[in-house]
Amino acid sequence: MLINKRRLEREQLNRYIQVFDRESGSFAGFLVDVTTEGVMLGSLGPMNMSATSHFSIKIPRENGDADDVVFDAQGVWGNKGENSIFYETGFRFLGVPMEVKSRLERMIKNFRIIGHC
């Protein structure tokens, strides 16, 4: 039996936020859901679970600009989505500074799907 150790409710966002690998600059996937402790990424292929991943995202602003947010994360679980072409991978943030957590909290507040269970 798998025990859910998640302490925070996942929040789904009302827009697609692209995630990029900072080392290669390549597209890694989309944020599927997020907490201030981690993210679930949707990607076209399986993600490397054995190494620390170095990601960046652009959080859109109302004026059309975007804030760059960078973070490191460790893969915790991964599988191919049921009836999907996408792989889902859960990542836990590693050493995220308070400034980045604050930006993520604002992103969640501004873009979460209202009424999502």
Protein backbone atom coordinates (compact mmCIF):
# COMPACT_ATOMS: atom_id res chain seq x y z
CA MET A 1 0.00 0.00 0.00
CA LEU A 2 1.35 3.42 -1.00
CA ILE A 3 1.09 6.00 1.76
CA ASN A 4 0.53 9.60 0.64
CA LYS A 5 3.14 11.69 2.47
CA ARG A 6 2.03 14.94 0.84
CA ARG A 7 1.45 17.64 3.45
CA LEU A 8 0.01 20.31 1.16
CA GLU A 9 -2.94 20.21 -1.22
CA ARG A 10 -1.89 20.22 -4.87
CA GLU A 11 -3.13 23.18 -6.87
CA GLN A 12 -3.94 22.93 -10.57
CA LEU A 13 -3.33 26.06 -12.58
CA ASN A 14 -5.64 27.67 -15.13
CA ARG A 15 -2.87 28.01 -17.71
CA TYR A 16 -0.01 25.99 -19.13
CA ILE A 17 3.30 26.96 -17.53
CA GLN A 18 6.26 25.66 -19.53
CA VAL A 19 9.22 24.17 -17.66
CA PHE A 20 12.73 24.21 -19.11
CA ASP A 21 15.92 22.36 -18.22
CA ARG A 22 18.39 25.10 -17.20
CA GLU A 23 21.46 23.10 -18.23
CA SER A 24 20.39 22.30 -21.79
CA GLY A 25 17.79 25.04 -22.30
CA SER A 26 15.43 22.38 -23.66
CA PHE A 27 11.72 22.12 -22.96
CA ALA A 28 11.14 19.67 -20.08
CA GLY A 29 7.35 19.73 -19.85
CA PHE A 30 4.39 21.56 -18.36
CA LEU A 31 3.45 22.19 -14.74
CA VAL A 32 0.45 19.97 -14.07
CA ASP A 33 0.04 20.97 -10.47
CA VAL A 34 2.12 22.66 -7.80
CA THR A 35 2.59 23.24 -4.08
CA THR A 36 5.28 25.27 -2.34
CA GLU A 37 7.08 21.96 -1.72
CA GLY A 38 7.04 20.48 -5.21
CA VAL A 39 5.51 20.11 -8.66
CA MET A 40 4.07 17.50 -10.94
CA LEU A 41 5.39 17.78 -14.48
CA GLY A 42 3.74 16.44 -17.61
CA SER A 43 6.28 15.49 -20.29
CA LEU A 44 6.51 13.52 -23.53
CA GLY A 45 9.06 11.08 -22.09
CA PRO A 46 10.16 9.76 -18.71
CA MET A 47 12.25 12.12 -16.57
CA ASN A 48 15.59 11.26 -14.95
CA MET A 49 14.77 10.27 -11.38
CA SER A 50 18.34 9.61 -10.21
CA ALA A 51 19.79 13.11 -10.61
CA THR A 52 18.92 16.56 -9.34
CA SER A 53 17.01 18.45 -12.04
CA HIS A 54 17.66 22.14 -12.64
CA PHE A 55 14.52 23.83 -13.94
CA SER A 56 13.29 27.27 -14.90
CA ILE A 57 9.79 28.58 -15.52
CA LYS A 58 8.38 31.88 -16.70
CA ILE A 59 5.46 33.09 -14.59
CA PRO A 60 3.29 35.41 -16.68
CA ARG A 61 2.43 38.87 -15.36
CA GLU A 62 -0.73 40.82 -16.15
CA ASN A 63 1.25 43.35 -18.24
CA GLY A 64 2.46 40.61 -20.61
CA ASP A 65 5.96 40.30 -19.15
CA ALA A 66 7.11 37.21 -17.28
CA ASP A 67 9.13 36.51 -14.14
CA ASP A 68 11.89 33.93 -14.49
CA VAL A 69 11.89 31.49 -11.59
CA VAL A 70 14.64 28.90 -11.21
CA PHE A 71 14.66 25.91 -8.89
CA ASP A 72 16.29 22.54 -8.33
CA ALA A 73 14.20 19.45 -7.72
CA GLN A 74 14.52 15.73 -7.13
CA GLY A 75 12.20 13.22 -8.80
CA VAL A 76 10.09 11.32 -6.28
CA TRP A 77 7.81 9.25 -8.51
CA GLY A 78 6.97 8.89 -12.18
CA ASN A 79 4.56 7.03 -14.46
CA LYS A 80 2.82 7.28 -17.77
CA GLY A 81 -0.55 8.98 -17.32
CA GLU A 82 -3.52 6.68 -17.63
CA ASN A 83 -5.01 6.91 -21.16
CA SER A 84 -2.44 9.57 -22.00
CA ILE A 85 0.59 10.11 -24.19
CA PHE A 86 2.18 12.10 -21.36
CA TYR A 87 4.41 10.98 -18.54
CA GLU A 88 3.76 12.43 -15.09
CA THR A 89 6.61 12.98 -12.65
CA GLY A 90 6.43 14.30 -9.12
CA PHE A 91 9.35 16.47 -8.01
CA ARG A 92 10.31 17.71 -4.56
CA PHE A 93 11.98 21.13 -4.42
CA LEU A 94 15.54 21.21 -3.11
CA GLY A 95 16.82 24.23 -1.17
CA VAL A 96 14.34 26.72 -2.60
CA PRO A 97 14.98 30.25 -1.26
CA MET A 98 12.11 32.14 0.40
CA GLU A 99 11.95 34.59 -2.54
CA VAL A 100 11.25 31.73 -4.94
CA LYS A 101 8.67 30.21 -2.56
CA SER A 102 6.96 33.61 -2.37
CA ARG A 103 6.81 33.81 -6.18
CA LEU A 104 5.37 30.30 -6.34
CA GLU A 105 2.75 31.19 -3.71
CA ARG A 106 1.73 34.25 -5.78
CA MET A 107 1.55 32.09 -8.92
CA ILE A 108 -0.67 29.57 -7.13
CA LYS A 109 -2.91 32.34 -5.78
CA ASN A 110 -3.21 34.09 -9.16
CA PHE A 111 -3.58 31.07 -11.44
CA ARG A 112 -5.15 28.27 -9.42
CA ILE A 113 -8.36 26.73 -10.63
CA ILE A 114 -11.06 27.97 -8.26
CA GLY A 115 -13.13 25.20 -6.74
CA HIS A 116 -10.64 22.49 -7.68
CA CYS A 117 -10.78 19.55 -5.28
